[in-house]
PDB file of N, CA and C in Angstrom:
ATOM      1  N   MET A   1     108.797 104.758 106.773  1.00  0.00           N
ATOM      2  CA  MET A   1     108.601 105.517 105.521  1.00  0.00           C
ATOM      3  C   MET A   1     109.888 106.419 105.303  1.00  0.00           C
ATOM      4  N   GLN A   2     110.478 106.212 104.146  1.00  0.00           N
ATOM      5  CA  GLN A   2     111.615 107.020 103.707  1.00  0.00           C
ATOM      6  C   GLN A   2     111.229 108.001 102.669  1.00  0.00           C
ATOM      7  N   VAL A   3     111.894 109.126 102.766  1.00  0.00           N
ATOM      8  CA  VAL A   3     111.647 110.318 101.825  1.00  0.00           C
ATOM      9  C   VAL A   3     112.908 110.733 101.146  1.00  0.00           C
ATOM     10  N   LEU A   4     112.833 110.875  99.841  1.00  0.00           N
ATOM     11  CA  LEU A   4     114.126 111.410  99.103  1.00  0.00           C
ATOM     12  C   LEU A   4     113.594 112.707  98.583  1.00  0.00           C
ATOM     13  N   LEU A   5     114.138 113.962  99.069  1.00  0.00           N
ATOM     14  CA  LEU A   5     113.657 115.093  98.600  1.00  0.00           C
ATOM     15  C   LEU A   5     114.872 115.777  98.007  1.00  0.00           C
ATOM     16  N   GLY A   6     114.521 116.686  97.004  1.00  0.00           N
ATOM     17  CA  GLY A   6     115.626 117.429  96.387  1.00  0.00           C
ATOM     18  C   GLY A   6     115.135 118.064  95.031  1.00  0.00           C
ATOM     19  N   PRO A   7     116.016 118.890  94.528  1.00  0.00           N
ATOM     20  CA  PRO A   7     115.725 119.455  93.112  1.00  0.00           C
ATOM     21  C   PRO A   7     115.587 118.488  92.005  1.00  0.00           C
ATOM     22  N   ARG A   8     115.201 118.830  90.910  1.00  0.00           N
ATOM     23  CA  ARG A   8     115.055 117.947  89.790  1.00  0.00           C
ATOM     24  C   ARG A   8     116.524 117.553  89.315  1.00  0.00           C
ATOM     25  N   ARG A   9     116.595 116.345  88.869  1.00  0.00           N
ATOM     26  CA  ARG A   9     117.781 115.904  88.129  1.00  0.00           C
ATOM     27  C   ARG A   9     118.985 115.758  89.145  1.00  0.00           C
ATOM     28  N   VAL A  10     118.795 115.479  90.413  1.00  0.00           N
ATOM     29  CA  VAL A  10     120.008 115.136  91.216  1.00  0.00           C
ATOM     30  C   VAL A  10     120.241 113.724  91.679  1.00  0.00           C
ATOM     31  N   GLY A  11     119.466 112.811  91.203  1.00  0.00           N
ATOM     32  CA  GLY A  11     119.616 111.279  91.368  1.00  0.00           C
ATOM     33  C   GLY A  11     118.685 110.785  92.512  1.00  0.00           C
ATOM     34  N   LYS A  12     117.652 111.293  92.670  1.00  0.00           N
ATOM     35  CA  LYS A  12     116.551 110.701  93.568  1.00  0.00           C
ATOM     36  C   LYS A  12     116.093 109.450  93.058  1.00  0.00           C
ATOM     37  N   THR A  13     115.620 109.431  91.898  1.00  0.00           N
ATOM     38  CA  THR A  13     115.378 108.068  91.247  1.00  0.00           C
ATOM     39  C   THR A  13     116.371 107.115  91.283  1.00  0.00           C
ATOM     40  N   SER A  14     117.554 107.480  90.902  1.00  0.00           N
ATOM     41  CA  SER A  14     118.623 106.485  90.865  1.00  0.00           C
ATOM     42  C   SER A  14     118.936 105.944  92.267  1.00  0.00           C
ATOM     43  N   ALA A  15     118.830 106.853  93.313  1.00  0.00           N
ATOM     44  CA  ALA A  15     119.048 106.357  94.554  1.00  0.00           C
ATOM     45  C   ALA A  15     118.028 105.233  95.012  1.00  0.00           C
ATOM     46  N   MET A  16     116.636 105.621  94.684  1.00  0.00           N
ATOM     47  CA  MET A  16     115.724 104.751  95.032  1.00  0.00           C
ATOM     48  C   MET A  16     115.931 103.337  94.107  1.00  0.00           C
ATOM     49  N   GLN A  17     116.323 103.426  92.944  1.00  0.00           N
ATOM     50  CA  GLN A  17     116.675 102.157  92.245  1.00  0.00           C
ATOM     51  C   GLN A  17     117.796 101.347  92.889  1.00  0.00           C
ATOM     52  N   LEU A  18     118.758 102.019  93.367  1.00  0.00           N
ATOM     53  CA  LEU A  18     119.829 101.390  93.971  1.00  0.00           C
ATOM     54  C   LEU A  18     119.358 100.642  95.335  1.00  0.00           C
ATOM     55  N   TYR A  19     118.484 101.334  96.051  1.00  0.00           N
ATOM     56  CA  TYR A  19     117.946 100.708  97.214  1.00  0.00           C
ATOM     57  C   TYR A  19     117.063  99.420  96.781  1.00  0.00           C
ATOM     58  N   MET A  20     116.317  99.550  95.671  1.00  0.00           N
ATOM     59  CA  MET A  20     115.590  98.417  95.222  1.00  0.00           C
ATOM     60  C   MET A  20     116.471  97.264  94.831  1.00  0.00           C
ATOM     61  N   GLN A  21     117.609  97.475  94.200  1.00  0.00           N
ATOM     62  CA  GLN A  21     118.705  96.554  93.828  1.00  0.00           C
ATOM     63  C   GLN A  21     119.296  95.892  94.969  1.00  0.00           C
ATOM     64  N   GLU A  22     119.595  96.747  95.926  1.00  0.00           N
ATOM     65  CA  GLU A  22     120.005  96.242  97.308  1.00  0.00           C
ATOM     66  C   GLU A  22     119.118  95.191  97.927  1.00  0.00           C
ATOM     67  N   LEU A  23     117.852  95.669  97.939  1.00  0.00           N
ATOM     68  CA  LEU A  23     116.947  94.625  98.616  1.00  0.00           C
ATOM     69  C   LEU A  23     116.902  93.328  97.822  1.00  0.00           C
ATOM     70  N   THR A  24     116.800  93.272  96.534  1.00  0.00           N
ATOM     71  CA  THR A  24     116.903  92.078  95.777  1.00  0.00           C
ATOM     72  C   THR A  24     118.069  91.248  95.807  1.00  0.00           C
ATOM     73  N   GLU A  25     119.171  92.044  95.535  1.00  0.00           N
ATOM     74  CA  GLU A  25     120.444  91.237  95.352  1.00  0.00           C
ATOM     75  C   GLU A  25     121.166  90.867  96.670  1.00  0.00           C
ATOM     76  N   ASN A  26     121.078  91.869  97.710  1.00  0.00           N
ATOM     77  CA  ASN A  26     121.862  91.428  98.882  1.00  0.00           C
ATOM     78  C   ASN A  26     120.961  91.133 100.184  1.00  0.00           C
ATOM     79  N   LEU A  27     119.741  91.475  99.980  1.00  0.00           N
ATOM     80  CA  LEU A  27     118.845  91.102 101.239  1.00  0.00           C
ATOM     81  C   LEU A  27     117.786  90.076 100.966  1.00  0.00           C
ATOM     82  N   GLY A  28     117.787  89.515  99.769  1.00  0.00           N
ATOM     83  CA  GLY A  28     116.854  88.385  99.430  1.00  0.00           C
ATOM     84  C   GLY A  28     115.481  88.768  99.212  1.00  0.00           C
ATOM     85  N   VAL A  29     115.026  89.981  98.929  1.00  0.00           N
ATOM     86  CA  VAL A  29     113.709  90.360  98.764  1.00  0.00           C
ATOM     87  C   VAL A  29     113.300  89.990  97.379  1.00  0.00           C
ATOM     88  N   LYS A  30     112.292  89.208  97.208  1.00  0.00           N
ATOM     89  CA  LYS A  30     111.811  88.861  95.773  1.00  0.00           C
ATOM     90  C   LYS A  30     111.340  90.074  94.992  1.00  0.00           C
ATOM     91  N   SER A  31     111.680  90.079  93.734  1.00  0.00           N
ATOM     92  CA  SER A  31     111.173  91.215  92.929  1.00  0.00           C
ATOM     93  C   SER A  31     109.667  91.572  92.918  1.00  0.00           C
ATOM     94  N   ASP A  32     108.843  90.372  92.985  1.00  0.00           N
ATOM     95  CA  ASP A  32     107.410  90.646  93.047  1.00  0.00           C
ATOM     96  C   ASP A  32     107.035  91.200  94.345  1.00  0.00           C
ATOM     97  N   ARG A  33     107.827  91.605  95.291  1.00  0.00           N
ATOM     98  CA  ARG A  33     107.602  92.225  96.442  1.00  0.00           C
ATOM     99  C   ARG A  33     107.917  93.759  96.398  1.00  0.00           C
ATOM    100  N   LEU A  34     108.307  94.185  95.294  1.00  0.00           N
ATOM    101  CA  LEU A  34     108.723  95.662  95.094  1.00  0.00           C
ATOM    102  C   LEU A  34     107.660  96.380  94.168  1.00  0.00           C
ATOM    103  N   VAL A  35     107.001  97.072  94.748  1.00  0.00           N
ATOM    104  CA  VAL A  35     105.948  97.919  94.048  1.00  0.00           C
ATOM    105  C   VAL A  35     106.387  99.233  93.647  1.00  0.00           C
ATOM    106  N   TYR A  36     106.758  99.518  92.435  1.00  0.00           N
ATOM    107  CA  TYR A  36     107.291 100.724  92.022  1.00  0.00           C
ATOM    108  C   TYR A  36     106.280 101.511  91.024  1.00  0.00           C
ATOM    109  N   PHE A  37     106.074 102.882  91.345  1.00  0.00           N
ATOM    110  CA  PHE A  37     105.199 103.563  90.502  1.00  0.00           C
ATOM    111  C   PHE A  37     105.751 105.032  90.238  1.00  0.00           C
ATOM    112  N   ASN A  38     106.017 105.368  88.927  1.00  0.00           N
ATOM    113  CA  ASN A  38     106.365 106.703  88.632  1.00  0.00           C
ATOM    114  C   ASN A  38     105.271 107.601  88.130  1.00  0.00           C
ATOM    115  N   PHE A  39     104.984 108.421  89.082  1.00  0.00           N
ATOM    116  CA  PHE A  39     103.963 109.516  88.813  1.00  0.00           C
ATOM    117  C   PHE A  39     104.187 110.586  87.739  1.00  0.00           C
ATOM    118  N   GLU A  40     105.360 110.607  87.266  1.00  0.00           N
ATOM    119  CA  GLU A  40     105.708 111.557  86.349  1.00  0.00           C
ATOM    120  C   GLU A  40     105.515 111.056  84.939  1.00  0.00           C
ATOM    121  N   ASP A  41     105.061 109.798  84.812  1.00  0.00           N
ATOM    122  CA  ASP A  41     104.882 109.242  83.393  1.00  0.00           C
ATOM    123  C   ASP A  41     103.631 109.898  82.848  1.00  0.00           C
ATOM    124  N   GLU A  42     103.810 110.299  81.632  1.00  0.00           N
ATOM    125  CA  GLU A  42     102.924 111.263  80.954  1.00  0.00           C
ATOM    126  C   GLU A  42     101.557 110.520  80.692  1.00  0.00           C
ATOM    127  N   ARG A  43     101.605 109.127  80.807  1.00  0.00           N
ATOM    128  CA  ARG A  43     100.228 108.484  80.617  1.00  0.00           C
ATOM    129  C   ARG A  43      99.436 108.533  81.828  1.00  0.00           C
ATOM    130  N   VAL A  44      99.892 108.907  83.048  1.00  0.00           N
ATOM    131  CA  VAL A  44      99.225 108.663  84.213  1.00  0.00           C
ATOM    132  C   VAL A  44      98.498 110.030  84.567  1.00  0.00           C
ATOM    133  N   HIS A  45      97.236 110.034  84.756  1.00  0.00           N
ATOM    134  CA  HIS A  45      96.410 111.109  85.149  1.00  0.00           C
ATOM    135  C   HIS A  45      95.476 110.643  86.181  1.00  0.00           C
ATOM    136  N   PHE A  46      95.872 110.600  87.493  1.00  0.00           N
ATOM    137  CA  PHE A  46      94.977 110.109  88.535  1.00  0.00           C
ATOM    138  C   PHE A  46      94.195 111.134  89.217  1.00  0.00           C
ATOM    139  N   LEU A  47      92.974 110.838  89.491  1.00  0.00           N
ATOM    140  CA  LEU A  47      92.136 111.564  90.512  1.00  0.00           C
ATOM    141  C   LEU A  47      92.504 110.943  91.849  1.00  0.00           C
ATOM    142  N   PRO A  48      92.327 111.722  92.946  1.00  0.00           N
ATOM    143  CA  PRO A  48      92.644 111.101  94.173  1.00  0.00           C
ATOM    144  C   PRO A  48      92.060 109.771  94.566  1.00  0.00           C
ATOM    145  N   GLU A  49      90.741 109.672  94.122  1.00  0.00           N
ATOM    146  CA  GLU A  49      89.947 108.362  94.379  1.00  0.00           C
ATOM    147  C   GLU A  49      90.373 107.311  93.564  1.00  0.00           C
ATOM    148  N   GLN A  50      91.276 107.442  92.533  1.00  0.00           N
ATOM    149  CA  GLN A  50      91.786 106.453  91.721  1.00  0.00           C
ATOM    150  C   GLN A  50      93.178 105.905  92.146  1.00  0.00           C
ATOM    151  N   LEU A  51      93.875 106.467  93.036  1.00  0.00           N
ATOM    152  CA  LEU A  51      95.104 105.889  93.409  1.00  0.00           C
ATOM    153  C   LEU A  51      94.970 104.520  93.859  1.00  0.00           C
ATOM    154  N   ASP A  52      93.991 104.029  94.288  1.00  0.00           N
ATOM    155  CA  ASP A  52      93.901 102.675  94.957  1.00  0.00           C
ATOM    156  C   ASP A  52      94.120 101.701  93.709  1.00  0.00           C
ATOM    157  N   LEU A  53      93.900 102.266  92.462  1.00  0.00           N
ATOM    158  CA  LEU A  53      94.108 101.350  91.276  1.00  0.00           C
ATOM    159  C   LEU A  53      95.405 100.725  91.186  1.00  0.00           C
ATOM    160  N   ILE A  54      96.373 101.414  91.781  1.00  0.00           N
ATOM    161  CA  ILE A  54      97.659 100.874  91.851  1.00  0.00           C
ATOM    162  C   ILE A  54      97.796  99.603  92.610  1.00  0.00           C
ATOM    163  N   LEU A  55      97.143  99.619  93.749  1.00  0.00           N
ATOM    164  CA  LEU A  55      97.116  98.555  94.652  1.00  0.00           C
ATOM    165  C   LEU A  55      96.415  97.287  94.049  1.00  0.00           C
ATOM    166  N   GLN A  56      95.188  97.658  93.397  1.00  0.00           N
ATOM    167  CA  GLN A  56      94.415  96.738  92.853  1.00  0.00           C
ATOM    168  C   GLN A  56      95.053  96.127  91.700  1.00  0.00           C
ATOM    169  N   ALA A  57      95.791  96.805  90.775  1.00  0.00           N
ATOM    170  CA  ALA A  57      96.489  96.354  89.789  1.00  0.00           C
ATOM    171  C   ALA A  57      97.611  95.322  90.113  1.00  0.00           C
ATOM    172  N   TRP A  58      98.367  95.730  91.200  1.00  0.00           N
ATOM    173  CA  TRP A  58      99.454  94.861  91.780  1.00  0.00           C
ATOM    174  C   TRP A  58      98.919  93.465  92.231  1.00  0.00           C
ATOM    175  N   LYS A  59      97.813  93.545  92.937  1.00  0.00           N
ATOM    176  CA  LYS A  59      97.141  92.389  93.377  1.00  0.00           C
ATOM    177  C   LYS A  59      96.689  91.491  92.286  1.00  0.00           C
ATOM    178  N   GLU A  60      96.229  92.022  91.148  1.00  0.00           N
ATOM    179  CA  GLU A  60      95.836  91.219  90.017  1.00  0.00           C
ATOM    180  C   GLU A  60      97.019  90.477  89.404  1.00  0.00           C
ATOM    181  N   LEU A  61      98.025  91.291  89.282  1.00  0.00           N
ATOM    182  CA  LEU A  61      99.337  90.859  88.671  1.00  0.00           C
ATOM    183  C   LEU A  61     100.149  89.657  89.466  1.00  0.00           C
ATOM    184  N   HIS A  62      99.921  89.878  90.788  1.00  0.00           N
ATOM    185  CA  HIS A  62     100.688  89.091  91.675  1.00  0.00           C
ATOM    186  C   HIS A  62      99.749  88.492  92.852  1.00  0.00           C
ATOM    187  N   PRO A  63      98.763  87.599  92.508  1.00  0.00           N
ATOM    188  CA  PRO A  63      97.793  87.221  93.332  1.00  0.00           C
ATOM    189  C   PRO A  63      98.204  86.533  94.515  1.00  0.00           C
ATOM    190  N   SER A  64      99.426  85.852  94.528  1.00  0.00           N
ATOM    191  CA  SER A  64      99.882  85.216  95.628  1.00  0.00           C
ATOM    192  C   SER A  64     100.712  85.968  96.591  1.00  0.00           C
ATOM    193  N   VAL A  65     100.991  87.262  96.239  1.00  0.00           N
ATOM    194  CA  VAL A  65     101.727  88.158  97.079  1.00  0.00           C
ATOM    195  C   VAL A  65     100.748  88.947  97.910  1.00  0.00           C
ATOM    196  N   GLN A  66     101.003  88.993  99.274  1.00  0.00           N
ATOM    197  CA  GLN A  66     100.183  89.781 100.116  1.00  0.00           C
ATOM    198  C   GLN A  66     100.863  91.207 100.074  1.00  0.00           C
ATOM    199  N   LEU A  67     100.049  92.389  99.952  1.00  0.00           N
ATOM    200  CA  LEU A  67     100.560  93.671  99.959  1.00  0.00           C
ATOM    201  C   LEU A  67     101.235  94.025 101.246  1.00  0.00           C
ATOM    202  N   GLU A  68     100.973  93.323 102.395  1.00  0.00           N
ATOM    203  CA  GLU A  68     101.510  93.655 103.587  1.00  0.00           C
ATOM    204  C   GLU A  68     103.159  93.182 103.561  1.00  0.00           C
ATOM    205  N   ASP A  69     103.452  92.342 102.586  1.00  0.00           N
ATOM    206  CA  ASP A  69     104.807  91.891 102.375  1.00  0.00           C
ATOM    207  C   ASP A  69     105.650  92.687 101.498  1.00  0.00           C
ATOM    208  N   CYS A  70     104.907  93.779 100.928  1.00  0.00           N
ATOM    209  CA  CYS A  70     105.660  94.471  99.833  1.00  0.00           C
ATOM    210  C   CYS A  70     106.459  95.689 100.431  1.00  0.00           C
ATOM    211  N   PHE A  71     107.357  96.128  99.439  1.00  0.00           N
ATOM    212  CA  PHE A  71     108.040  97.442  99.674  1.00  0.00           C
ATOM    213  C   PHE A  71     107.378  98.294  98.630  1.00  0.00           C
ATOM    214  N   PHE A  72     106.987  99.503  99.002  1.00  0.00           N
ATOM    215  CA  PHE A  72     106.524 100.380  98.124  1.00  0.00           C
ATOM    216  C   PHE A  72     107.382 101.597  97.725  1.00  0.00           C
ATOM    217  N   PHE A  73     107.479 101.853  96.379  1.00  0.00           N
ATOM    218  CA  PHE A  73     108.399 102.880  95.903  1.00  0.00           C
ATOM    219  C   PHE A  73     107.602 103.833  94.899  1.00  0.00           C
ATOM    220  N   PHE A  74     107.476 105.016  95.421  1.00  0.00           N
ATOM    221  CA  PHE A  74     106.624 105.967  94.558  1.00  0.00           C
ATOM    222  C   PHE A  74     107.550 107.212  94.238  1.00  0.00           C
ATOM    223  N   ASP A  75     107.748 107.374  92.867  1.00  0.00           N
ATOM    224  CA  ASP A  75     108.532 108.339  92.368  1.00  0.00           C
ATOM    225  C   ASP A  75     107.815 109.539  91.953  1.00  0.00           C
ATOM    226  N   GLU A  76     108.262 110.782  92.430  1.00  0.00           N
ATOM    227  CA  GLU A  76     107.740 112.036  92.065  1.00  0.00           C
ATOM    228  C   GLU A  76     106.203 112.098  92.616  1.00  0.00           C
ATOM    229  N   VAL A  77     106.062 111.746  93.581  1.00  0.00           N
ATOM    230  CA  VAL A  77     104.650 111.452  94.283  1.00  0.00           C
ATOM    231  C   VAL A  77     103.835 112.691  94.092  1.00  0.00           C
ATOM    232  N   GLN A  78     104.449 113.952  94.415  1.00  0.00           N
ATOM    233  CA  GLN A  78     103.635 115.201  94.312  1.00  0.00           C
ATOM    234  C   GLN A  78     102.767 115.420  93.008  1.00  0.00           C
ATOM    235  N   ALA A  79     103.199 114.678  92.108  1.00  0.00           N
ATOM    236  CA  ALA A  79     102.312 114.751  90.724  1.00  0.00           C
ATOM    237  C   ALA A  79     100.929 114.217  90.934  1.00  0.00           C
ATOM    238  N   ALA A  80     100.695 113.471  91.952  1.00  0.00           N
ATOM    239  CA  ALA A  80      99.279 112.801  92.093  1.00  0.00           C
ATOM    240  C   ALA A  80      98.480 113.544  93.129  1.00  0.00           C
ATOM    241  N   PRO A  81      97.520 114.261  92.715  1.00  0.00           N
ATOM    242  CA  PRO A  81      96.557 114.857  93.764  1.00  0.00           C
ATOM    243  C   PRO A  81      96.173 113.820  94.735  1.00  0.00           C
ATOM    244  N   GLY A  82      96.102 114.140  96.007  1.00  0.00           N
ATOM    245  CA  GLY A  82      95.678 113.221  97.153  1.00  0.00           C
ATOM    246  C   GLY A  82      96.611 112.269  97.594  1.00  0.00           C
ATOM    247  N   TRP A  83      98.004 112.407  97.142  1.00  0.00           N
ATOM    248  CA  TRP A  83      98.971 111.386  97.483  1.00  0.00           C
ATOM    249  C   TRP A  83      99.151 111.256  99.067  1.00  0.00           C
ATOM    250  N   GLU A  84      99.026 112.321  99.780  1.00  0.00           N
ATOM    251  CA  GLU A  84      99.203 112.312 101.165  1.00  0.00           C
ATOM    252  C   GLU A  84      98.398 111.263 101.868  1.00  0.00           C
ATOM    253  N   LYS A  85      97.056 111.335 101.521  1.00  0.00           N
ATOM    254  CA  LYS A  85      96.116 110.365 102.247  1.00  0.00           C
ATOM    255  C   LYS A  85      96.351 108.920 101.734  1.00  0.00           C
ATOM    256  N   PHE A  86      96.766 108.812 100.487  1.00  0.00           N
ATOM    257  CA  PHE A  86      97.011 107.588  99.796  1.00  0.00           C
ATOM    258  C   PHE A  86      98.187 106.797 100.670  1.00  0.00           C
ATOM    259  N   LEU A  87      99.280 107.581 100.843  1.00  0.00           N
ATOM    260  CA  LEU A  87     100.429 107.063 101.515  1.00  0.00           C
ATOM    261  C   LEU A  87     100.257 106.796 102.947  1.00  0.00           C
ATOM    262  N   ASN A  88      99.440 107.717 103.532  1.00  0.00           N
ATOM    263  CA  ASN A  88      99.050 107.575 104.993  1.00  0.00           C
ATOM    264  C   ASN A  88      98.331 106.274 105.048  1.00  0.00           C
ATOM    265  N   ARG A  89      97.362 105.923 104.215  1.00  0.00           N
ATOM    266  CA  ARG A  89      96.511 104.730 104.342  1.00  0.00           C
ATOM    267  C   ARG A  89      97.443 103.454 104.224  1.00  0.00           C
ATOM    268  N   ILE A  90      98.319 103.461 103.280  1.00  0.00           N
ATOM    269  CA  ILE A  90      99.242 102.290 103.024  1.00  0.00           C
ATOM    270  C   ILE A  90     100.098 102.269 104.473  1.00  0.00           C
ATOM    271  N   ASN A  91     100.599 103.363 104.879  1.00  0.00           N
ATOM    272  CA  ASN A  91     101.397 103.313 106.051  1.00  0.00           C
ATOM    273  C   ASN A  91     100.586 102.739 107.342  1.00  0.00           C
ATOM    274  N   GLU A  92      99.389 103.190 107.521  1.00  0.00           N
ATOM    275  CA  GLU A  92      98.487 102.802 108.680  1.00  0.00           C
ATOM    276  C   GLU A  92      97.961 101.445 108.544  1.00  0.00           C
ATOM    277  N   THR A  93      97.621 100.951 107.270  1.00  0.00           N
ATOM    278  CA  THR A  93      96.926  99.669 107.064  1.00  0.00           C
ATOM    279  C   THR A  93      97.693  98.570 106.478  1.00  0.00           C
ATOM    280  N   LEU A  94      98.803  98.834 105.799  1.00  0.00           N
ATOM    281  CA  LEU A  94      99.493  97.736 105.127  1.00  0.00           C
ATOM    282  C   LEU A  94     100.891  97.504 105.532  1.00  0.00           C
ATOM    283  N   THR A  95     101.741  98.561 105.456  1.00  0.00           N
ATOM    284  CA  THR A  95     103.100  98.485 105.741  1.00  0.00           C
ATOM    285  C   THR A  95     103.770  99.724 105.938  1.00  0.00           C
ATOM    286  N   LYS A  96     104.878  99.766 106.737  1.00  0.00           N
ATOM    287  CA  LYS A  96     105.783 100.909 106.856  1.00  0.00           C
ATOM    288  C   LYS A  96     106.777 101.009 105.881  1.00  0.00           C
ATOM    289  N   LYS A  97     106.764 100.005 105.073  1.00  0.00           N
ATOM    290  CA  LYS A  97     107.954  99.865 103.989  1.00  0.00           C
ATOM    291  C   LYS A  97     107.610 100.782 102.833  1.00  0.00           C
ATOM    292  N   ILE A  98     107.723 102.127 102.885  1.00  0.00           N
ATOM    293  CA  ILE A  98     107.414 103.006 101.855  1.00  0.00           C
ATOM    294  C   ILE A  98     108.577 103.980 101.682  1.00  0.00           C
ATOM    295  N   CYS A  99     108.844 104.139 100.476  1.00  0.00           N
ATOM    296  CA  CYS A  99     109.877 105.158  99.976  1.00  0.00           C
ATOM    297  C   CYS A  99     109.335 105.953  98.957  1.00  0.00           C
ATOM    298  N   PHE A 100     109.500 107.278  98.925  1.00  0.00           N
ATOM    299  CA  PHE A 100     108.998 108.067  97.946  1.00  0.00           C
ATOM    300  C   PHE A 100     109.952 109.243  97.595  1.00  0.00           C
ATOM    301  N   THR A 101     109.737 109.841  96.364  1.00  0.00           N
ATOM    302  CA  THR A 101     110.640 110.890  96.033  1.00  0.00           C
ATOM    303  C   THR A 101     109.753 112.199  95.741  1.00  0.00           C
ATOM    304  N   GLY A 102     110.278 113.233  95.820  1.00  0.00           N
ATOM    305  CA  GLY A 102     109.628 114.580  95.459  1.00  0.00           C
ATOM    306  C   GLY A 102     110.505 115.687  95.401  1.00  0.00           C
ATOM    307  N   CYS A 103     110.014 116.609  94.718  1.00  0.00           N
ATOM    308  CA  CYS A 103     110.879 117.778  94.408  1.00  0.00           C
ATOM    309  C   CYS A 103     110.304 119.186  94.472  1.00  0.00           C
ATOM    310  N   ASN A 104     108.996 119.287  94.524  1.00  0.00           N
ATOM    311  CA  ASN A 104     108.349 120.553  94.638  1.00  0.00           C
ATOM    312  C   ASN A 104     108.111 121.062  95.924  1.00  0.00           C
ATOM    313  N   SER A 105     107.655 122.381  96.007  1.00  0.00           N
ATOM    314  CA  SER A 105     107.628 123.123  97.282  1.00  0.00           C
ATOM    315  C   SER A 105     106.781 122.427  98.276  1.00  0.00           C
ATOM    316  N   ARG A 106     105.712 121.650  97.853  1.00  0.00           N
ATOM    317  CA  ARG A 106     104.827 120.956  98.786  1.00  0.00           C
ATOM    318  C   ARG A 106     105.589 119.854  99.532  1.00  0.00           C
ATOM    319  N   LEU A 107     106.681 119.412  98.970  1.00  0.00           N
ATOM    320  CA  LEU A 107     107.559 118.352  99.661  1.00  0.00           C
ATOM    321  C   LEU A 107     108.705 118.775 100.321  1.00  0.00           C
ATOM    322  N   LEU A 108     108.869 120.144 100.647  1.00  0.00           N
ATOM    323  CA  LEU A 108     110.064 120.691 101.271  1.00  0.00           C
ATOM    324  C   LEU A 108     110.149 119.925 102.633  1.00  0.00           C
ATOM    325  N   HIS A 109     111.408 119.739 102.898  1.00  0.00           N
ATOM    326  CA  HIS A 109     111.631 118.987 104.352  1.00  0.00           C
ATOM    327  C   HIS A 109     110.935 119.543 105.510  1.00  0.00           C
ATOM    328  N   THR A 110     110.713 120.647 105.519  1.00  0.00           N
ATOM    329  CA  THR A 110     110.023 121.404 106.623  1.00  0.00           C
ATOM    330  C   THR A 110     108.476 121.037 106.763  1.00  0.00           C
ATOM    331  N   GLU A 111     108.013 120.556 105.546  1.00  0.00           N
ATOM    332  CA  GLU A 111     106.498 120.367 105.524  1.00  0.00           C
ATOM    333  C   GLU A 111     106.207 118.850 105.494  1.00  0.00           C
ATOM    334  N   VAL A 112     107.182 117.934 105.098  1.00  0.00           N
ATOM    335  CA  VAL A 112     106.865 116.482 104.953  1.00  0.00           C
ATOM    336  C   VAL A 112     106.253 115.973 106.211  1.00  0.00           C
ATOM    337  N   ASN A 113     106.830 116.105 107.329  1.00  0.00           N
ATOM    338  CA  ASN A 113     106.448 115.587 108.631  1.00  0.00           C
ATOM    339  C   ASN A 113     105.016 116.076 108.869  1.00  0.00           C
ATOM    340  N   THR A 114     104.663 117.376 108.708  1.00  0.00           N
ATOM    341  CA  THR A 114     103.496 117.932 108.930  1.00  0.00           C
ATOM    342  C   THR A 114     102.349 117.223 108.090  1.00  0.00           C
ATOM    343  N   VAL A 115     102.674 117.034 106.802  1.00  0.00           N
ATOM    344  CA  VAL A 115     101.731 116.541 105.815  1.00  0.00           C
ATOM    345  C   VAL A 115     101.547 114.978 106.137  1.00  0.00           C
ATOM    346  N   LEU A 116     102.544 114.320 106.453  1.00  0.00           N
ATOM    347  CA  LEU A 116     102.366 112.964 106.801  1.00  0.00           C
ATOM    348  C   LEU A 116     102.325 112.632 108.290  1.00  0.00           C
ATOM    349  N   ARG A 117     101.868 113.688 109.109  1.00  0.00           N
ATOM    350  CA  ARG A 117     101.642 113.509 110.531  1.00  0.00           C
ATOM    351  C   ARG A 117     102.745 112.687 111.139  1.00  0.00           C
ATOM    352  N   GLY A 118     104.047 113.125 110.814  1.00  0.00           N
ATOM    353  CA  GLY A 118     105.098 112.651 111.732  1.00  0.00           C
ATOM    354  C   GLY A 118     105.608 111.329 111.367  1.00  0.00           C
ATOM    355  N   ARG A 119     105.138 110.684 110.194  1.00  0.00           N
ATOM    356  CA  ARG A 119     105.333 109.253 110.014  1.00  0.00           C
ATOM    357  C   ARG A 119     106.538 109.076 108.946  1.00  0.00           C
ATOM    358  N   SER A 120     107.253 110.006 108.594  1.00  0.00           N
ATOM    359  CA  SER A 120     108.340 109.975 107.657  1.00  0.00           C
ATOM    360  C   SER A 120     109.576 109.928 108.346  1.00  0.00           C
ATOM    361  N   SER A 121     110.656 109.480 107.856  1.00  0.00           N
ATOM    362  CA  SER A 121     112.058 109.625 108.379  1.00  0.00           C
ATOM    363  C   SER A 121     112.953 109.904 107.274  1.00  0.00           C
ATOM    364  N   ARG A 122     113.860 110.856 107.325  1.00  0.00           N
ATOM    365  CA  ARG A 122     114.683 111.268 106.310  1.00  0.00           C
ATOM    366  C   ARG A 122     116.021 110.868 106.505  1.00  0.00           C
TER     367      ARG A 122
END
């Protein structure tokens, strides 16, 4: 699990997009293996129990792709209530290939390892 932390407008999303580009262009990862979700989209209003809809929708759009083979990218994850348990479940049951960004005080580097029980690397 990779974490990109920092204040607003410093390039966290751009860094994540460059990583996604590196995966597809230089490492041969197919684009249908990249699951990207921006939690700051004004149309998104999840309750914690609805976060699984992201995985369900991806499976419907890409039925031949196993979620275990995907890389997950979540932008500004702190905007989703219950994000910690959601990412922990993906990490424990599907894949360790998770990258997320965040900027508020709940995601300060001193707290991320505690929140994710030591599963992140910066």
